[in-house]
């Protein structure tokens, strides 16, 4: 190891040209290592997203990402102040009359004996 006493900073090892070269090599190496890690993580996440979408298409269902995004939007619409996101009218409920039929022949269910007696 070569010692250079030409430092005017509080890092005397950076004053030596050989040490500056080694420090520069380490910076490049660790920058590339970090870049490989980030790109590898993004590739794994992209592969998981694509495989999940393909799996949902095989099953005939919506992709989970779309379901979660739709739920988030519905939740945000419901909590929007003063109905800012709501485009339609508020009272869109419809009243439907129900037809009533009288049941005359009632049969006892076969599993009624298995139930506990009412108290």
N, C-alpha and C. Protein backbone atom coordinates (compact mmCIF):
# COMPACT_ATOMS: atom_id res chain seq x y z
N UNK A 1 0.84 -1.18 0.00
CA UNK A 1 0.00 0.00 0.00
C UNK A 1 0.89 1.24 0.00
N UNK A 2 0.56 2.16 -0.85
CA UNK A 2 1.36 3.38 -0.99
C UNK A 2 0.70 4.49 -0.19
N UNK A 3 1.50 5.22 0.57
CA UNK A 3 0.98 6.32 1.37
C UNK A 3 1.38 7.63 0.74
N UNK A 4 0.39 8.47 0.48
CA UNK A 4 0.67 9.80 -0.06
C UNK A 4 0.27 10.82 0.98
N UNK A 5 1.15 11.69 1.33
CA UNK A 5 0.87 12.69 2.37
C UNK A 5 0.45 14.02 1.80
N UNK A 6 -0.20 14.05 0.64
CA UNK A 6 -0.55 15.30 -0.02
C UNK A 6 -2.00 15.71 0.23
N UNK A 7 -2.58 15.28 1.30
CA UNK A 7 -4.01 15.50 1.50
C UNK A 7 -4.30 16.85 2.12
N UNK A 8 -5.29 17.53 1.56
CA UNK A 8 -5.79 18.74 2.18
C UNK A 8 -7.22 18.53 2.68
N UNK A 9 -7.75 17.34 2.49
CA UNK A 9 -9.08 17.00 2.98
C UNK A 9 -8.93 16.15 4.24
N UNK A 10 -10.04 15.79 4.84
CA UNK A 10 -10.00 14.91 6.01
C UNK A 10 -9.96 13.44 5.60
N UNK A 11 -9.80 13.15 4.29
CA UNK A 11 -9.66 11.79 3.80
C UNK A 11 -8.29 11.67 3.12
N UNK A 12 -7.27 11.36 3.88
CA UNK A 12 -5.93 11.36 3.29
C UNK A 12 -5.73 10.29 2.23
N UNK A 13 -6.49 9.24 2.27
CA UNK A 13 -6.31 8.17 1.30
C UNK A 13 -6.78 8.56 -0.09
N UNK A 14 -7.61 9.61 -0.20
CA UNK A 14 -8.08 10.05 -1.52
C UNK A 14 -7.06 10.94 -2.23
N UNK A 15 -6.03 11.38 -1.52
CA UNK A 15 -5.04 12.25 -2.14
C UNK A 15 -4.10 11.46 -3.05
N UNK A 16 -3.96 10.19 -2.80
CA UNK A 16 -3.08 9.35 -3.59
C UNK A 16 -3.79 8.94 -4.89
N UNK A 17 -3.16 9.09 -6.04
CA UNK A 17 -3.81 8.74 -7.30
C UNK A 17 -4.19 7.27 -7.40
N UNK A 18 -3.39 6.39 -6.82
CA UNK A 18 -3.72 4.97 -6.86
C UNK A 18 -5.01 4.70 -6.08
N UNK A 19 -5.17 5.33 -4.95
CA UNK A 19 -6.36 5.13 -4.13
C UNK A 19 -7.60 5.74 -4.79
N UNK A 20 -7.39 6.83 -5.51
CA UNK A 20 -8.52 7.42 -6.23
C UNK A 20 -9.02 6.47 -7.32
N UNK A 21 -8.09 5.79 -7.97
CA UNK A 21 -8.47 4.83 -8.99
C UNK A 21 -9.24 3.65 -8.38
N UNK A 22 -8.76 3.16 -7.24
CA UNK A 22 -9.44 2.05 -6.57
C UNK A 22 -10.82 2.49 -6.07
N UNK A 23 -10.92 3.71 -5.53
CA UNK A 23 -12.21 4.22 -5.08
C UNK A 23 -13.17 4.37 -6.26
N UNK A 24 -12.66 4.82 -7.40
CA UNK A 24 -13.50 4.96 -8.59
C UNK A 24 -13.98 3.59 -9.07
N UNK A 25 -13.11 2.60 -9.04
CA UNK A 25 -13.49 1.24 -9.45
C UNK A 25 -14.57 0.69 -8.52
N UNK A 26 -14.42 0.91 -7.20
CA UNK A 26 -15.45 0.45 -6.26
C UNK A 26 -16.77 1.16 -6.49
N UNK A 27 -16.74 2.44 -6.78
CA UNK A 27 -17.99 3.18 -7.05
C UNK A 27 -18.71 2.61 -8.27
N UNK A 28 -17.94 2.37 -9.33
CA UNK A 28 -18.53 1.80 -10.54
C UNK A 28 -19.08 0.40 -10.26
N UNK A 29 -18.32 -0.41 -9.55
CA UNK A 29 -18.74 -1.78 -9.27
C UNK A 29 -20.04 -1.81 -8.46
N UNK A 30 -20.09 -1.04 -7.39
CA UNK A 30 -21.29 -1.07 -6.55
C UNK A 30 -22.47 -0.38 -7.23
N UNK A 31 -22.21 0.60 -8.09
CA UNK A 31 -23.31 1.19 -8.86
C UNK A 31 -23.91 0.17 -9.82
N UNK A 32 -23.04 -0.57 -10.50
CA UNK A 32 -23.53 -1.61 -11.40
C UNK A 32 -24.23 -2.73 -10.64
N UNK A 33 -23.71 -3.07 -9.47
CA UNK A 33 -24.35 -4.10 -8.65
C UNK A 33 -25.76 -3.66 -8.22
N UNK A 34 -25.90 -2.40 -7.83
CA UNK A 34 -27.22 -1.88 -7.47
C UNK A 34 -28.15 -1.83 -8.66
N UNK A 35 -27.62 -1.47 -9.82
CA UNK A 35 -28.44 -1.44 -11.03
C UNK A 35 -28.93 -2.83 -11.41
N UNK A 36 -28.05 -3.83 -11.31
CA UNK A 36 -28.44 -5.22 -11.59
C UNK A 36 -29.52 -5.68 -10.61
N UNK A 37 -29.38 -5.30 -9.34
CA UNK A 37 -30.38 -5.69 -8.34
C UNK A 37 -31.74 -5.07 -8.65
N UNK A 38 -31.76 -3.79 -8.97
CA UNK A 38 -33.03 -3.10 -9.26
C UNK A 38 -33.67 -3.67 -10.52
N UNK A 39 -32.88 -3.86 -11.58
CA UNK A 39 -33.43 -4.40 -12.81
C UNK A 39 -33.90 -5.84 -12.63
N UNK A 40 -33.17 -6.63 -11.84
CA UNK A 40 -33.61 -7.99 -11.57
C UNK A 40 -34.92 -8.03 -10.81
N UNK A 41 -35.06 -7.14 -9.83
CA UNK A 41 -36.31 -7.07 -9.06
C UNK A 41 -37.47 -6.66 -9.96
N UNK A 42 -37.24 -5.68 -10.84
CA UNK A 42 -38.30 -5.26 -11.76
C UNK A 42 -38.68 -6.39 -12.72
N UNK A 43 -37.69 -7.14 -13.19
CA UNK A 43 -37.99 -8.27 -14.09
C UNK A 43 -38.81 -9.34 -13.38
N UNK A 44 -38.46 -9.63 -12.13
CA UNK A 44 -39.22 -10.62 -11.37
C UNK A 44 -40.66 -10.15 -11.15
N UNK A 45 -40.83 -8.88 -10.80
CA UNK A 45 -42.18 -8.35 -10.59
C UNK A 45 -42.98 -8.35 -11.89
N UNK A 46 -42.35 -8.01 -12.99
CA UNK A 46 -43.04 -8.02 -14.28
C UNK A 46 -43.43 -9.44 -14.68
N UNK A 47 -42.54 -10.39 -14.44
CA UNK A 47 -42.85 -11.79 -14.73
C UNK A 47 -44.01 -12.29 -13.86
N UNK A 48 -44.04 -11.90 -12.60
CA UNK A 48 -45.14 -12.29 -11.72
C UNK A 48 -46.47 -11.67 -12.18
N UNK A 49 -46.42 -10.42 -12.61
CA UNK A 49 -47.63 -9.75 -13.08
C UNK A 49 -48.17 -10.41 -14.35
N UNK A 50 -47.29 -10.72 -15.28
CA UNK A 50 -47.72 -11.35 -16.53
C UNK A 50 -48.23 -12.76 -16.27
N UNK A 51 -47.53 -13.52 -15.42
CA UNK A 51 -48.00 -14.88 -15.14
C UNK A 51 -49.34 -14.85 -14.39
N UNK A 52 -49.55 -13.90 -13.51
CA UNK A 52 -50.84 -13.77 -12.84
C UNK A 52 -51.96 -13.42 -13.81
N UNK A 53 -51.66 -12.55 -14.76
CA UNK A 53 -52.67 -12.20 -15.77
C UNK A 53 -53.00 -13.39 -16.66
N UNK A 54 -51.97 -14.13 -17.06
CA UNK A 54 -52.23 -15.31 -17.88
C UNK A 54 -53.00 -16.39 -17.12
N UNK A 55 -52.66 -16.55 -15.84
CA UNK A 55 -53.37 -17.54 -15.02
C UNK A 55 -54.84 -17.15 -14.87
N UNK A 56 -55.12 -15.87 -14.71
CA UNK A 56 -56.51 -15.45 -14.59
C UNK A 56 -57.25 -15.62 -15.92
N UNK A 57 -56.56 -15.45 -17.03
CA UNK A 57 -57.20 -15.69 -18.32
C UNK A 57 -57.50 -17.17 -18.52
N UNK A 58 -56.62 -18.04 -18.04
CA UNK A 58 -56.85 -19.49 -18.13
C UNK A 58 -58.08 -19.86 -17.32
N UNK A 59 -58.22 -19.26 -16.13
CA UNK A 59 -59.37 -19.57 -15.28
C UNK A 59 -60.63 -18.88 -15.72
N UNK A 60 -60.52 -17.88 -16.59
CA UNK A 60 -61.70 -17.16 -17.07
C UNK A 60 -62.18 -16.09 -16.11
N UNK A 61 -61.29 -15.57 -15.29
CA UNK A 61 -61.65 -14.51 -14.35
C UNK A 61 -60.88 -13.24 -14.67
N UNK A 62 -61.31 -12.16 -14.04
CA UNK A 62 -60.61 -10.91 -14.20
C UNK A 62 -59.25 -11.00 -13.50
N UNK A 63 -58.23 -10.34 -14.02
CA UNK A 63 -56.94 -10.33 -13.31
C UNK A 63 -57.08 -9.66 -11.95
N UNK A 64 -56.32 -10.15 -10.98
CA UNK A 64 -56.42 -9.63 -9.61
C UNK A 64 -56.07 -8.16 -9.54
N UNK A 65 -55.13 -7.73 -10.38
CA UNK A 65 -54.76 -6.32 -10.37
C UNK A 65 -55.96 -5.46 -10.75
N UNK A 66 -56.71 -5.89 -11.75
CA UNK A 66 -57.89 -5.13 -12.17
C UNK A 66 -58.95 -5.13 -11.09
N UNK A 67 -59.12 -6.25 -10.40
CA UNK A 67 -60.12 -6.34 -9.33
C UNK A 67 -59.75 -5.40 -8.18
N UNK A 68 -58.48 -5.42 -7.78
CA UNK A 68 -58.04 -4.56 -6.68
C UNK A 68 -58.17 -3.10 -7.07
N UNK A 69 -57.80 -2.77 -8.32
CA UNK A 69 -57.89 -1.38 -8.78
C UNK A 69 -59.35 -0.93 -8.81
N UNK A 70 -60.26 -1.79 -9.24
CA UNK A 70 -61.67 -1.44 -9.28
C UNK A 70 -62.21 -1.23 -7.87
N UNK A 71 -61.81 -2.08 -6.93
CA UNK A 71 -62.25 -1.91 -5.54
C UNK A 71 -61.73 -0.60 -4.96
N UNK A 72 -60.50 -0.26 -5.29
CA UNK A 72 -59.92 0.99 -4.80
C UNK A 72 -60.69 2.19 -5.35
N UNK A 73 -61.02 2.16 -6.64
CA UNK A 73 -61.77 3.26 -7.23
C UNK A 73 -63.17 3.36 -6.63
N UNK A 74 -63.82 2.22 -6.39
CA UNK A 74 -65.14 2.25 -5.77
C UNK A 74 -65.06 2.84 -4.37
N UNK A 75 -64.03 2.44 -3.62
CA UNK A 75 -63.87 2.97 -2.26
C UNK A 75 -63.59 4.47 -2.30
N UNK A 76 -62.78 4.92 -3.25
CA UNK A 76 -62.47 6.34 -3.36
C UNK A 76 -63.70 7.13 -3.76
N UNK A 77 -64.53 6.56 -4.63
CA UNK A 77 -65.76 7.26 -5.03
C UNK A 77 -66.70 7.42 -3.85
N UNK A 78 -66.80 6.38 -3.02
CA UNK A 78 -67.71 6.44 -1.88
C UNK A 78 -67.24 7.43 -0.83
N UNK A 79 -65.94 7.66 -0.74
CA UNK A 79 -65.42 8.57 0.29
C UNK A 79 -65.09 9.95 -0.26
N UNK A 80 -65.41 10.21 -1.53
CA UNK A 80 -65.10 11.51 -2.12
C UNK A 80 -65.94 12.59 -1.45
N UNK A 81 -65.33 13.72 -1.13
CA UNK A 81 -66.09 14.79 -0.48
C UNK A 81 -67.09 15.43 -1.43
N UNK A 82 -68.29 15.61 -0.96
CA UNK A 82 -69.38 16.26 -1.68
C UNK A 82 -69.73 15.56 -2.99
N UNK A 83 -69.45 14.28 -3.09
CA UNK A 83 -69.79 13.53 -4.29
C UNK A 83 -69.06 14.01 -5.53
N UNK A 84 -67.80 14.36 -5.38
CA UNK A 84 -67.05 14.95 -6.49
C UNK A 84 -66.89 14.00 -7.66
N UNK A 85 -66.78 12.71 -7.41
CA UNK A 85 -66.54 11.76 -8.49
C UNK A 85 -67.83 11.18 -9.05
N UNK A 86 -68.92 11.43 -8.43
CA UNK A 86 -70.18 10.80 -8.85
C UNK A 86 -70.75 11.54 -10.05
N UNK A 87 -70.98 10.81 -11.11
CA UNK A 87 -71.48 11.44 -12.33
C UNK A 87 -73.00 11.30 -12.45
N UNK A 88 -73.55 10.20 -11.97
CA UNK A 88 -74.97 9.95 -12.13
C UNK A 88 -75.79 10.52 -10.98
N UNK A 89 -77.10 10.45 -11.11
CA UNK A 89 -77.95 10.93 -10.02
C UNK A 89 -77.81 10.03 -8.79
N UNK A 90 -78.08 10.62 -7.63
CA UNK A 90 -77.87 9.91 -6.37
C UNK A 90 -78.96 8.87 -6.11
N UNK A 91 -80.20 9.19 -6.40
CA UNK A 91 -81.31 8.30 -6.07
C UNK A 91 -81.76 7.55 -7.32
N UNK A 92 -81.08 6.46 -7.61
CA UNK A 92 -81.42 5.67 -8.79
C UNK A 92 -82.06 4.35 -8.40
N UNK A 93 -82.53 4.25 -7.14
CA UNK A 93 -83.16 3.00 -6.71
C UNK A 93 -84.52 2.86 -7.38
N UNK A 94 -84.88 1.63 -7.66
CA UNK A 94 -86.13 1.35 -8.35
C UNK A 94 -86.98 0.45 -7.45
N UNK A 95 -88.24 0.77 -7.34
CA UNK A 95 -89.15 -0.02 -6.52
C UNK A 95 -89.82 -1.06 -7.42
N UNK A 96 -89.75 -2.33 -7.00
CA UNK A 96 -90.35 -3.41 -7.77
C UNK A 96 -91.39 -4.09 -6.89
N UNK A 97 -92.60 -4.25 -7.44
CA UNK A 97 -93.64 -4.95 -6.69
C UNK A 97 -93.37 -6.45 -6.74
N UNK A 98 -93.70 -7.10 -5.65
CA UNK A 98 -93.47 -8.54 -5.56
C UNK A 98 -94.82 -9.24 -5.63
N UNK A 99 -94.87 -10.30 -6.40
CA UNK A 99 -96.09 -11.08 -6.51
C UNK A 99 -96.09 -12.12 -5.40
N UNK A 100 -97.19 -12.19 -4.67
CA UNK A 100 -97.31 -13.13 -3.55
C UNK A 100 -98.13 -14.32 -3.98
N UNK A 101 -97.63 -15.51 -3.68
CA UNK A 101 -98.38 -16.74 -3.99
C UNK A 101 -98.57 -17.50 -2.69
N UNK A 102 -99.74 -18.09 -2.54
CA UNK A 102 -100.02 -18.86 -1.33
C UNK A 102 -99.53 -20.29 -1.52
N UNK A 103 -98.84 -20.80 -0.51
CA UNK A 103 -98.34 -22.16 -0.55
C UNK A 103 -99.29 -23.01 0.30
N UNK A 104 -99.91 -24.01 -0.30
CA UNK A 104 -100.89 -24.81 0.43
C UNK A 104 -100.32 -26.15 0.89
N UNK A 105 -99.51 -26.80 0.07
CA UNK A 105 -98.99 -28.11 0.41
C UNK A 105 -97.57 -27.96 0.96
N UNK A 106 -97.43 -28.12 2.27
CA UNK A 106 -96.13 -27.99 2.92
C UNK A 106 -95.69 -29.38 3.35
N UNK A 107 -94.52 -29.78 2.87
CA UNK A 107 -93.97 -31.07 3.26
C UNK A 107 -92.88 -30.84 4.30
N UNK A 108 -92.73 -31.80 5.21
CA UNK A 108 -91.71 -31.72 6.24
C UNK A 108 -90.37 -32.09 5.60
N UNK A 109 -89.39 -31.30 5.88
CA UNK A 109 -88.07 -31.57 5.33
C UNK A 109 -87.50 -32.85 5.91
N UNK A 110 -86.80 -33.68 5.12
CA UNK A 110 -86.29 -34.95 5.63
C UNK A 110 -85.22 -34.79 6.71
N UNK A 111 -84.56 -33.69 6.76
CA UNK A 111 -83.50 -33.49 7.75
C UNK A 111 -84.00 -32.78 9.00
N UNK A 112 -85.27 -32.58 9.12
CA UNK A 112 -85.79 -31.84 10.28
C UNK A 112 -85.62 -32.63 11.58
N UNK A 113 -85.49 -33.95 11.49
CA UNK A 113 -85.31 -34.76 12.70
C UNK A 113 -83.90 -34.63 13.25
N UNK A 114 -82.95 -34.26 12.42
CA UNK A 114 -81.57 -34.12 12.86
C UNK A 114 -81.35 -32.85 13.66
N UNK A 115 -82.22 -31.90 13.55
CA UNK A 115 -82.03 -30.61 14.22
C UNK A 115 -82.37 -30.71 15.69
N UNK A 116 -81.78 -29.80 16.43
CA UNK A 116 -82.08 -29.73 17.86
C UNK A 116 -83.46 -29.14 18.07
N UNK A 117 -84.17 -29.57 19.13
CA UNK A 117 -85.51 -29.01 19.38
C UNK A 117 -85.41 -27.53 19.79
N UNK A 118 -86.43 -26.77 19.43
CA UNK A 118 -86.45 -25.35 19.79
C UNK A 118 -86.72 -25.21 21.26
N UNK A 119 -86.08 -24.25 21.87
CA UNK A 119 -86.28 -24.04 23.33
C UNK A 119 -87.01 -22.78 23.58
